[in-house]
Amino acid sequence: MEPRVADLKQKIEDTLCPFGFEVYPFQVAWYNELLPPAFHLPFPGPTLAFLVLSTPAMFDKALKPFLKSHHLQPPRDPVDQCVSYHLRSVREKFPELQMEVIADYEVHPNRRPKILAQTAAHVAGAAYYYQRQDVDADPWGTQHIAGVCIHPRFGGWFAIRGVILLPGIEVPNLPPRKAPDCVPTRAGRITLLEGFNFHWRDWTYRDAVTPEERYSEEQKIYFSTPPAQRLALLGFAQPSEHASITPEHPSSMLTKPQNSSRARSWLSPNVSPPVSPGP
């Protein structure tokens, strides 16, 4: 890894990792080449970017302290606010750099996601994005099958939170980091994709690999609660009909390109894993 990239990565990790996040560098070109132009990040290909994901530790190390800090502003989702707070802290640490931060939940006015989180995680080498195209002679016929990322150490017990872009910093020689293929067999991939698409409420797809750590029972209760009811669960006043309700199944968050068979499979939910039963 180039010394400048390694230095920036270390500084970002020093800011985020104590709160249960992980950071992975990538080139914008690696992301853009998998997608049609409408989904491209509008920066030169060699532009440096960092993917940010949360581990199971984020709940205790970041979310709980954030809830006690009086920064929470209902009706916005508490986790989104917490992640935004920590991503802003990265920007504040580098006032000399031009920096653009895109959270996983951000969308354009036409509701198109600003970042396709699972594609970004795959090209950054953080988590392998398993899709129907990864199963030879798949058994699903005309059924729609959404893809899912699996982390080599946490399985499905993690969430992709956003990207940090550094316009003006170009790293054409950054070596690509392949996402570890931790579900290499056809049978394992079928089980994973069927679990994610048809039985996602029971959490079992997240154990596609034996994880180092899972969500606690407390986290499971929180993330199993519909987003519109989470403020009430935390003891805050419920914002009634004005609450923003997130779709319960990942397939409802898919966006399809107009014309590109090559890119079609890389268009993913803007949250991974699904919002319910939990990110």
C-alpha atoms as a PDB file:
ATOM      1  CA  MET A   1       0.000   0.000   0.000  1.00  0.00           C
ATOM      2  CA  GLU A   2       1.285   3.466  -0.876  1.00  0.00           C
ATOM      3  CA  PRO A   3       2.673   5.346   2.149  1.00  0.00           C
ATOM      4  CA  ARG A   4       0.171   8.198   1.779  1.00  0.00           C
ATOM      5  CA  VAL A   5      -2.766   5.804   1.602  1.00  0.00           C
ATOM      6  CA  ALA A   6      -1.473   3.860   4.579  1.00  0.00           C
ATOM      7  CA  ASP A   7      -1.064   7.089   6.558  1.00  0.00           C
ATOM      8  CA  LEU A   8      -4.583   8.326   5.746  1.00  0.00           C
ATOM      9  CA  LYS A   9      -6.064   4.908   6.474  1.00  0.00           C
ATOM     10  CA  GLN A  10      -4.347   4.806   9.852  1.00  0.00           C
ATOM     11  CA  LYS A  11      -5.602   8.275  10.784  1.00  0.00           C
ATOM     12  CA  ILE A  12      -9.161   7.438   9.759  1.00  0.00           C
ATOM     13  CA  GLU A  13      -8.966   4.159  11.656  1.00  0.00           C
ATOM     14  CA  ASP A  14      -7.696   6.003  14.730  1.00  0.00           C
ATOM     15  CA  THR A  15     -10.870   8.096  14.554  1.00  0.00           C
ATOM     16  CA  LEU A  16     -13.398   5.344  13.792  1.00  0.00           C
ATOM     17  CA  CYS A  17     -12.101   1.951  14.898  1.00  0.00           C
ATOM     18  CA  PRO A  18     -12.380   2.638  18.652  1.00  0.00           C
ATOM     19  CA  PHE A  19     -16.124   2.953  18.037  1.00  0.00           C
ATOM     20  CA  GLY A  20     -16.576  -0.392  16.263  1.00  0.00           C
ATOM     21  CA  PHE A  21     -15.986   0.589  12.619  1.00  0.00           C
ATOM     22  CA  GLU A  22     -13.651  -0.793   9.945  1.00  0.00           C
ATOM     23  CA  VAL A  23     -12.072   1.110   7.032  1.00  0.00           C
ATOM     24  CA  TYR A  24     -10.998  -0.125   3.565  1.00  0.00           C
ATOM     25  CA  PRO A  25      -9.389   1.939   0.763  1.00  0.00           C
ATOM     26  CA  PHE A  26     -10.392   1.630  -2.900  1.00  0.00           C
ATOM     27  CA  GLN A  27     -10.239   3.476  -6.211  1.00  0.00           C
ATOM     28  CA  VAL A  28     -13.379   5.082  -7.607  1.00  0.00           C
ATOM     29  CA  ALA A  29     -12.626   3.370 -10.937  1.00  0.00           C
ATOM     30  CA  TRP A  30     -13.065  -0.089  -9.408  1.00  0.00           C
ATOM     31  CA  TYR A  31     -16.584   0.851  -8.358  1.00  0.00           C
ATOM     32  CA  ASN A  32     -17.596   2.753 -11.496  1.00  0.00           C
ATOM     33  CA  GLU A  33     -16.499   0.063 -13.924  1.00  0.00           C
ATOM     34  CA  LEU A  34     -19.153  -2.312 -12.573  1.00  0.00           C
ATOM     35  CA  LEU A  35     -22.053   0.121 -12.949  1.00  0.00           C
ATOM     36  CA  PRO A  36     -23.841   2.106 -15.673  1.00  0.00           C
ATOM     37  CA  PRO A  37     -23.069   5.851 -15.863  1.00  0.00           C
ATOM     38  CA  ALA A  38     -26.174   6.883 -13.910  1.00  0.00           C
ATOM     39  CA  PHE A  39     -24.687   5.247 -10.823  1.00  0.00           C
ATOM     40  CA  HIS A  40     -21.093   6.416 -11.203  1.00  0.00           C
ATOM     41  CA  LEU A  41     -19.342   8.436  -8.551  1.00  0.00           C
ATOM     42  CA  PRO A  42     -18.512  11.740 -10.314  1.00  0.00           C
ATOM     43  CA  PHE A  43     -14.752  11.696  -9.747  1.00  0.00           C
ATOM     44  CA  PRO A  44     -11.709  10.639 -11.786  1.00  0.00           C
ATOM     45  CA  GLY A  45     -11.073   6.912 -11.710  1.00  0.00           C
ATOM     46  CA  PRO A  46      -7.894   6.983  -9.584  1.00  0.00           C
ATOM     47  CA  THR A  47      -9.570   9.062  -6.855  1.00  0.00           C
ATOM     48  CA  LEU A  48      -9.004   7.581  -3.402  1.00  0.00           C
ATOM     49  CA  ALA A  49     -12.014   6.477  -1.374  1.00  0.00           C
ATOM     50  CA  PHE A  50     -12.552   4.582   1.852  1.00  0.00           C
ATOM     51  CA  LEU A  51     -15.412   2.227   2.638  1.00  0.00           C
ATOM     52  CA  VAL A  52     -16.679   2.329   6.238  1.00  0.00           C
ATOM     53  CA  LEU A  53     -18.546  -0.575   7.839  1.00  0.00           C
ATOM     54  CA  SER A  54     -19.741  -1.256  11.369  1.00  0.00           C
ATOM     55  CA  THR A  55     -19.017  -4.401  13.364  1.00  0.00           C
ATOM     56  CA  PRO A  56     -21.134  -5.837  16.189  1.00  0.00           C
ATOM     57  CA  ALA A  57     -19.094  -3.743  18.640  1.00  0.00           C
ATOM     58  CA  MET A  58     -20.521  -0.504  17.199  1.00  0.00           C
ATOM     59  CA  PHE A  59     -23.748  -0.907  19.173  1.00  0.00           C
ATOM     60  CA  ASP A  60     -22.013  -0.646  22.557  1.00  0.00           C
ATOM     61  CA  LYS A  61     -19.038   1.503  21.576  1.00  0.00           C
ATOM     62  CA  ALA A  62     -20.798   4.104  19.404  1.00  0.00           C
ATOM     63  CA  LEU A  63     -24.599   3.936  19.513  1.00  0.00           C
ATOM     64  CA  LYS A  64     -25.145   3.692  23.269  1.00  0.00           C
ATOM     65  CA  PRO A  65     -22.776   6.582  24.102  1.00  0.00           C
ATOM     66  CA  PHE A  66     -24.355   8.618  21.303  1.00  0.00           C
ATOM     67  CA  LEU A  67     -27.835   8.079  22.753  1.00  0.00           C
ATOM     68  CA  LYS A  68     -26.589   9.332  26.116  1.00  0.00           C
ATOM     69  CA  SER A  69     -24.878  12.386  24.617  1.00  0.00           C
ATOM     70  CA  HIS A  70     -28.066  14.395  23.986  1.00  0.00           C
ATOM     71  CA  HIS A  71     -27.159  14.742  20.298  1.00  0.00           C
ATOM     72  CA  LEU A  72     -30.153  12.661  19.177  1.00  0.00           C
ATOM     73  CA  GLN A  73     -32.730  14.613  17.176  1.00  0.00           C
ATOM     74  CA  PRO A  74     -35.993  12.702  16.544  1.00  0.00           C
ATOM     75  CA  PRO A  75     -37.601  11.725  14.219  1.00  0.00           C
ATOM     76  CA  ARG A  76     -34.453  10.777  12.286  1.00  0.00           C
ATOM     77  CA  ASP A  77     -33.226   7.201  12.775  1.00  0.00           C
ATOM     78  CA  PRO A  78     -30.846   6.974  15.770  1.00  0.00           C
ATOM     79  CA  VAL A  79     -28.325   4.706  14.030  1.00  0.00           C
ATOM     80  CA  ASP A  80     -28.207   6.991  10.991  1.00  0.00           C
ATOM     81  CA  GLN A  81     -27.591   9.975  13.254  1.00  0.00           C
ATOM     82  CA  CYS A  82     -24.867   8.131  15.155  1.00  0.00           C
ATOM     83  CA  VAL A  83     -23.068   7.052  11.980  1.00  0.00           C
ATOM     84  CA  SER A  84     -23.360  10.560  10.536  1.00  0.00           C
ATOM     85  CA  TYR A  85     -21.874  11.994  13.726  1.00  0.00           C
ATOM     86  CA  HIS A  86     -18.825   9.723  13.502  1.00  0.00           C
ATOM     87  CA  LEU A  87     -18.323  10.254   9.771  1.00  0.00           C
ATOM     88  CA  ARG A  88     -18.383  14.013  10.378  1.00  0.00           C
ATOM     89  CA  SER A  89     -15.675  13.541  12.967  1.00  0.00           C
ATOM     90  CA  VAL A  90     -13.423  12.198  10.218  1.00  0.00           C
ATOM     91  CA  ARG A  91     -14.034  15.291   8.096  1.00  0.00           C
ATOM     92  CA  GLU A  92     -13.228  17.511  11.080  1.00  0.00           C
ATOM     93  CA  LYS A  93      -9.938  15.701  11.641  1.00  0.00           C
ATOM     94  CA  PHE A  94      -8.749  16.598   8.125  1.00  0.00           C
ATOM     95  CA  PRO A  95      -9.681  20.286   7.626  1.00  0.00           C
ATOM     96  CA  GLU A  96      -6.872  20.652   5.085  1.00  0.00           C
ATOM     97  CA  LEU A  97      -8.369  18.019   2.761  1.00  0.00           C
ATOM     98  CA  GLN A  98     -11.289  18.195   0.372  1.00  0.00           C
ATOM     99  CA  MET A  99     -13.523  15.379   1.530  1.00  0.00           C
ATOM    100  CA  GLU A 100     -16.964  14.113   0.586  1.00  0.00           C
ATOM    101  CA  VAL A 101     -18.802  11.719   2.842  1.00  0.00           C
ATOM    102  CA  ILE A 102     -21.733   9.645   1.561  1.00  0.00           C
ATOM    103  CA  ALA A 103     -23.726   7.649   4.091  1.00  0.00           C
ATOM    104  CA  ASP A 104     -25.304   4.381   2.983  1.00  0.00           C
ATOM    105  CA  TYR A 105     -28.850   5.755   3.342  1.00  0.00           C
ATOM    106  CA  GLU A 106     -28.394   8.910   1.230  1.00  0.00           C
ATOM    107  CA  VAL A 107     -30.381   9.223  -2.006  1.00  0.00           C
ATOM    108  CA  HIS A 108     -30.666  11.684  -4.877  1.00  0.00           C
ATOM    109  CA  PRO A 109     -33.903  13.692  -5.358  1.00  0.00           C
ATOM    110  CA  ASN A 110     -35.131  10.935  -7.708  1.00  0.00           C
ATOM    111  CA  ARG A 111     -34.584   8.402  -4.854  1.00  0.00           C
ATOM    112  CA  ARG A 112     -31.655   6.730  -6.588  1.00  0.00           C
ATOM    113  CA  PRO A 113     -29.047   5.725  -3.974  1.00  0.00           C
ATOM    114  CA  LYS A 114     -25.946   7.910  -3.911  1.00  0.00           C
ATOM    115  CA  ILE A 115     -23.830   4.841  -3.203  1.00  0.00           C
ATOM    116  CA  LEU A 116     -24.497   1.166  -3.856  1.00  0.00           C
ATOM    117  CA  ALA A 117     -23.105  -0.116  -0.608  1.00  0.00           C
ATOM    118  CA  GLN A 118     -22.633  -3.794  -1.407  1.00  0.00           C
ATOM    119  CA  THR A 119     -20.824  -3.061  -4.664  1.00  0.00           C
ATOM    120  CA  ALA A 120     -18.514  -0.667  -2.811  1.00  0.00           C
ATOM    121  CA  ALA A 121     -17.827  -3.245  -0.113  1.00  0.00           C
ATOM    122  CA  HIS A 122     -16.937  -5.870  -2.705  1.00  0.00           C
ATOM    123  CA  VAL A 123     -14.521  -3.709  -4.708  1.00  0.00           C
ATOM    124  CA  ALA A 124     -12.869  -2.469  -1.500  1.00  0.00           C
ATOM    125  CA  GLY A 125     -12.220  -6.078  -0.508  1.00  0.00           C
ATOM    126  CA  ALA A 126     -14.209  -5.708   2.705  1.00  0.00           C
ATOM    127  CA  ALA A 127     -16.926  -8.296   2.085  1.00  0.00           C
ATOM    128  CA  TYR A 128     -17.765 -10.617  -0.805  1.00  0.00           C
ATOM    129  CA  TYR A 129     -20.974  -9.680  -2.608  1.00  0.00           C
ATOM    130  CA  TYR A 130     -22.695 -12.999  -3.369  1.00  0.00           C
ATOM    131  CA  GLN A 131     -25.230 -12.860  -6.177  1.00  0.00           C
ATOM    132  CA  ARG A 132     -27.292 -15.188  -8.274  1.00  0.00           C
ATOM    133  CA  GLN A 133     -24.615 -15.081 -10.973  1.00  0.00           C
ATOM    134  CA  ASP A 134     -22.252 -16.775  -8.492  1.00  0.00           C
ATOM    135  CA  VAL A 135     -24.355 -19.972  -8.511  1.00  0.00           C
ATOM    136  CA  ASP A 136     -23.937 -22.316 -11.473  1.00  0.00           C
ATOM    137  CA  ALA A 137     -27.245 -23.613 -12.858  1.00  0.00           C
ATOM    138  CA  ASP A 138     -29.194 -21.919 -10.084  1.00  0.00           C
ATOM    139  CA  PRO A 139     -32.508 -23.496  -8.981  1.00  0.00           C
ATOM    140  CA  TRP A 140     -34.685 -20.371  -8.751  1.00  0.00           C
ATOM    141  CA  GLY A 141     -36.270 -20.100 -12.173  1.00  0.00           C
ATOM    142  CA  THR A 142     -38.060 -16.751 -12.564  1.00  0.00           C
ATOM    143  CA  GLN A 143     -37.829 -15.793  -8.872  1.00  0.00           C
ATOM    144  CA  HIS A 144     -36.041 -12.564  -8.024  1.00  0.00           C
ATOM    145  CA  ILE A 145     -32.963 -13.257  -5.895  1.00  0.00           C
ATOM    146  CA  ALA A 146     -31.261 -10.358  -4.127  1.00  0.00           C
ATOM    147  CA  GLY A 147     -27.544 -10.563  -3.397  1.00  0.00           C
ATOM    148  CA  VAL A 148     -25.858 -10.206  -0.012  1.00  0.00           C
ATOM    149  CA  CYS A 149     -22.388  -9.360   1.304  1.00  0.00           C
ATOM    150  CA  ILE A 150     -20.591 -11.673   3.712  1.00  0.00           C
ATOM    151  CA  HIS A 151     -17.671 -10.482   5.823  1.00  0.00           C
ATOM    152  CA  PRO A 152     -14.815 -12.978   6.295  1.00  0.00           C
ATOM    153  CA  ARG A 153     -14.718 -12.449  10.079  1.00  0.00           C
ATOM    154  CA  PHE A 154     -18.257 -11.371  10.938  1.00  0.00           C
ATOM    155  CA  GLY A 155     -20.317 -13.255   8.350  1.00  0.00           C
ATOM    156  CA  GLY A 156     -23.534 -11.267   8.008  1.00  0.00           C
ATOM    157  CA  TRP A 157     -23.230  -9.635  11.436  1.00  0.00           C
ATOM    158  CA  PHE A 158     -22.123  -6.227  10.169  1.00  0.00           C
ATOM    159  CA  ALA A 159     -23.432  -3.268   8.173  1.00  0.00           C
ATOM    160  CA  ILE A 160     -21.994  -1.064   5.439  1.00  0.00           C
ATOM    161  CA  ARG A 161     -22.246   2.533   6.593  1.00  0.00           C
ATOM    162  CA  GLY A 162     -20.864   4.698   3.809  1.00  0.00           C
ATOM    163  CA  VAL A 163     -17.860   5.926   1.866  1.00  0.00           C
ATOM    164  CA  ILE A 164     -15.364   8.731   2.352  1.00  0.00           C
ATOM    165  CA  LEU A 165     -14.138  10.258  -0.920  1.00  0.00           C
ATOM    166  CA  LEU A 166     -10.981  12.352  -1.226  1.00  0.00           C
ATOM    167  CA  PRO A 167     -11.232  14.399  -4.449  1.00  0.00           C
ATOM    168  CA  GLY A 168      -7.814  15.556  -5.568  1.00  0.00           C
ATOM    169  CA  ILE A 169      -5.984  12.577  -4.093  1.00  0.00           C
ATOM    170  CA  GLU A 170      -5.358  10.071  -6.875  1.00  0.00           C
ATOM    171  CA  VAL A 171      -3.783   6.663  -6.308  1.00  0.00           C
ATOM    172  CA  PRO A 172      -3.408   4.984  -9.719  1.00  0.00           C
ATOM    173  CA  ASN A 173      -0.995   2.419  -8.278  1.00  0.00           C
ATOM    174  CA  LEU A 174      -3.165   1.326  -5.382  1.00  0.00           C
ATOM    175  CA  PRO A 175      -3.241  -2.490  -5.581  1.00  0.00           C
ATOM    176  CA  PRO A 176      -6.752  -3.964  -5.592  1.00  0.00           C
ATOM    177  CA  ARG A 177      -7.743  -6.068  -2.598  1.00  0.00           C
ATOM    178  CA  LYS A 178      -9.944  -9.019  -3.500  1.00  0.00           C
ATOM    179  CA  ALA A 179     -12.882  -9.685  -1.242  1.00  0.00           C
ATOM    180  CA  PRO A 180     -12.333 -13.062   0.473  1.00  0.00           C
ATOM    181  CA  ASP A 181     -14.571 -15.726  -1.029  1.00  0.00           C
ATOM    182  CA  CYS A 182     -15.647 -17.282   2.241  1.00  0.00           C
ATOM    183  CA  VAL A 183     -18.647 -19.187   0.810  1.00  0.00           C
ATOM    184  CA  PRO A 184     -16.902 -20.993  -2.066  1.00  0.00           C
ATOM    185  CA  THR A 185     -19.257 -23.935  -2.692  1.00  0.00           C
ATOM    186  CA  ARG A 186     -22.381 -23.964  -4.819  1.00  0.00           C
ATOM    187  CA  ALA A 187     -24.404 -25.557  -2.009  1.00  0.00           C
ATOM    188  CA  GLY A 188     -23.209 -22.964   0.480  1.00  0.00           C
ATOM    189  CA  ARG A 189     -24.110 -20.108  -1.830  1.00  0.00           C
ATOM    190  CA  ILE A 190     -27.576 -21.515  -2.466  1.00  0.00           C
ATOM    191  CA  THR A 191     -28.159 -21.835   1.276  1.00  0.00           C
ATOM    192  CA  LEU A 192     -26.913 -18.295   1.848  1.00  0.00           C
ATOM    193  CA  LEU A 193     -28.998 -16.657  -0.871  1.00  0.00           C
ATOM    194  CA  GLU A 194     -32.128 -18.603   0.022  1.00  0.00           C
ATOM    195  CA  GLY A 195     -31.665 -17.719   3.679  1.00  0.00           C
ATOM    196  CA  PHE A 196     -31.214 -14.040   2.860  1.00  0.00           C
ATOM    197  CA  ASN A 197     -34.141 -13.854   0.442  1.00  0.00           C
ATOM    198  CA  PHE A 198     -36.708 -16.173   2.034  1.00  0.00           C
ATOM    199  CA  HIS A 199     -35.814 -16.591   5.725  1.00  0.00           C
ATOM    200  CA  TRP A 200     -34.015 -13.372   6.613  1.00  0.00           C
ATOM    201  CA  ARG A 201     -36.079 -12.839   9.764  1.00  0.00           C
ATOM    202  CA  ASP A 202     -34.448 -15.804  11.535  1.00  0.00           C
ATOM    203  CA  TRP A 203     -30.916 -14.333  11.264  1.00  0.00           C
ATOM    204  CA  THR A 204     -29.381 -17.668  10.171  1.00  0.00           C
ATOM    205  CA  TYR A 205     -28.014 -16.451   6.818  1.00  0.00           C
ATOM    206  CA  ARG A 206     -25.615 -14.282   8.820  1.00  0.00           C
ATOM    207  CA  ASP A 207     -23.843 -17.454   9.982  1.00  0.00           C
ATOM    208  CA  ALA A 208     -22.779 -18.398   6.454  1.00  0.00           C
ATOM    209  CA  VAL A 209     -19.313 -18.384   7.991  1.00  0.00           C
ATOM    210  CA  THR A 210     -18.623 -18.878  11.684  1.00  0.00           C
ATOM    211  CA  PRO A 211     -18.369 -15.301  12.948  1.00  0.00           C
ATOM    212  CA  GLU A 212     -15.882 -13.971  15.468  1.00  0.00           C
ATOM    213  CA  GLU A 213     -18.723 -12.022  17.022  1.00  0.00           C
ATOM    214  CA  ARG A 214     -22.495 -11.769  16.593  1.00  0.00           C
ATOM    215  CA  TYR A 215     -25.008  -9.120  17.534  1.00  0.00           C
ATOM    216  CA  SER A 216     -25.990  -9.281  21.192  1.00  0.00           C
ATOM    217  CA  GLU A 217     -29.551 -10.186  22.139  1.00  0.00           C
ATOM    218  CA  GLU A 218     -30.065  -6.510  22.941  1.00  0.00           C
ATOM    219  CA  GLN A 219     -28.988  -5.560  19.418  1.00  0.00           C
ATOM    220  CA  LYS A 220     -31.255  -8.193  17.916  1.00  0.00           C
ATOM    221  CA  ILE A 221     -34.234  -6.762  19.794  1.00  0.00           C
ATOM    222  CA  TYR A 222     -33.368  -3.248  18.648  1.00  0.00           C
ATOM    223  CA  PHE A 223     -32.817  -4.130  14.988  1.00  0.00           C
ATOM    224  CA  SER A 224     -35.855  -6.450  14.913  1.00  0.00           C
ATOM    225  CA  THR A 225     -38.023  -3.505  15.926  1.00  0.00           C
ATOM    226  CA  PRO A 226     -39.533  -1.726  12.894  1.00  0.00           C
ATOM    227  CA  PRO A 227     -37.601   1.520  12.290  1.00  0.00           C
ATOM    228  CA  ALA A 228     -40.651   3.688  12.960  1.00  0.00           C
ATOM    229  CA  GLN A 229     -40.942   2.177  16.466  1.00  0.00           C
ATOM    230  CA  ARG A 230     -37.283   2.334  17.538  1.00  0.00           C
ATOM    231  CA  LEU A 231     -37.521   5.768  19.142  1.00  0.00           C
ATOM    232  CA  ALA A 232     -40.342   4.522  21.357  1.00  0.00           C
ATOM    233  CA  LEU A 233     -38.242   1.462  22.250  1.00  0.00           C
ATOM    234  CA  LEU A 234     -35.508   3.841  23.412  1.00  0.00           C
ATOM    235  CA  GLY A 235     -37.982   5.826  25.497  1.00  0.00           C
ATOM    236  CA  PHE A 236     -38.308   8.825  23.172  1.00  0.00           C
ATOM    237  CA  ALA A 237     -41.604  10.342  22.054  1.00  0.00           C
ATOM    238  CA  GLN A 238     -42.943   8.626  18.959  1.00  0.00           C
ATOM    239  CA  PRO A 239     -43.020  11.009  15.927  1.00  0.00           C
ATOM    240  CA  SER A 240     -46.383   9.558  14.768  1.00  0.00           C
ATOM    241  CA  GLU A 241     -47.291   9.612  11.102  1.00  0.00           C
ATOM    242  CA  HIS A 242     -44.316  11.712  10.125  1.00  0.00           C
ATOM    243  CA  ALA A 243     -41.844   8.932  10.856  1.00  0.00           C
ATOM    244  CA  SER A 244     -39.754   7.754   7.953  1.00  0.00           C
ATOM    245  CA  ILE A 245     -40.427   4.057   7.527  1.00  0.00           C
ATOM    246  CA  THR A 246     -37.719   1.958   5.880  1.00  0.00           C
ATOM    247  CA  PRO A 247     -38.786  -0.977   3.684  1.00  0.00           C
ATOM    248  CA  GLU A 248     -38.670  -4.273   5.567  1.00  0.00           C
ATOM    249  CA  HIS A 249     -37.245  -6.482   2.828  1.00  0.00           C
ATOM    250  CA  PRO A 250     -34.083  -5.757   0.864  1.00  0.00           C
ATOM    251  CA  SER A 251     -35.672  -6.450  -2.512  1.00  0.00           C
ATOM    252  CA  SER A 252     -37.919  -3.419  -2.059  1.00  0.00           C
ATOM    253  CA  MET A 253     -34.799  -1.219  -2.055  1.00  0.00           C
ATOM    254  CA  LEU A 254     -33.415  -2.471  -5.356  1.00  0.00           C
ATOM    255  CA  THR A 255     -32.923  -0.055  -8.211  1.00  0.00           C
ATOM    256  CA  LYS A 256     -32.608  -1.412 -11.733  1.00  0.00           C
ATOM    257  CA  PRO A 257     -30.567   0.263 -14.483  1.00  0.00           C
ATOM    258  CA  GLN A 258     -32.187   1.188 -17.757  1.00  0.00           C
ATOM    259  CA  ASN A 259     -29.795  -0.584 -20.023  1.00  0.00           C
ATOM    260  CA  SER A 260     -26.782  -2.675 -18.897  1.00  0.00           C
ATOM    261  CA  SER A 261     -26.863  -6.400 -18.436  1.00  0.00           C
ATOM    262  CA  ARG A 262     -23.266  -6.336 -17.180  1.00  0.00           C
ATOM    263  CA  ALA A 263     -24.101  -3.875 -14.448  1.00  0.00           C
ATOM    264  CA  ARG A 264     -27.545  -5.166 -13.522  1.00  0.00           C
ATOM    265  CA  SER A 265     -26.377  -7.669 -10.925  1.00  0.00           C
ATOM    266  CA  TRP A 266     -24.229  -5.041  -9.206  1.00  0.00           C
ATOM    267  CA  LEU A 267     -27.178  -2.798  -8.389  1.00  0.00           C
ATOM    268  CA  SER A 268     -27.770  -3.553  -4.757  1.00  0.00           C
ATOM    269  CA  PRO A 269     -29.739  -2.417  -1.715  1.00  0.00           C
ATOM    270  CA  ASN A 270     -28.309   0.785  -0.307  1.00  0.00           C
ATOM    271  CA  VAL A 271     -28.182  -0.903   3.082  1.00  0.00           C
ATOM    272  CA  SER A 272     -26.490  -4.196   3.745  1.00  0.00           C
ATOM    273  CA  PRO A 273     -27.551  -6.365   5.431  1.00  0.00           C
ATOM    274  CA  PRO A 274     -31.294  -5.540   5.324  1.00  0.00           C
ATOM    275  CA  VAL A 275     -32.819  -2.933   7.608  1.00  0.00           C
ATOM    276  CA  SER A 276     -35.102  -5.508   9.197  1.00  0.00           C
ATOM    277  CA  PRO A 277     -34.293  -7.654  11.082  1.00  0.00           C
ATOM    278  CA  GLY A 278     -31.242  -5.420  11.414  1.00  0.00           C
ATOM    279  CA  PRO A 279     -28.300  -3.733   9.720  1.00  0.00           C
END
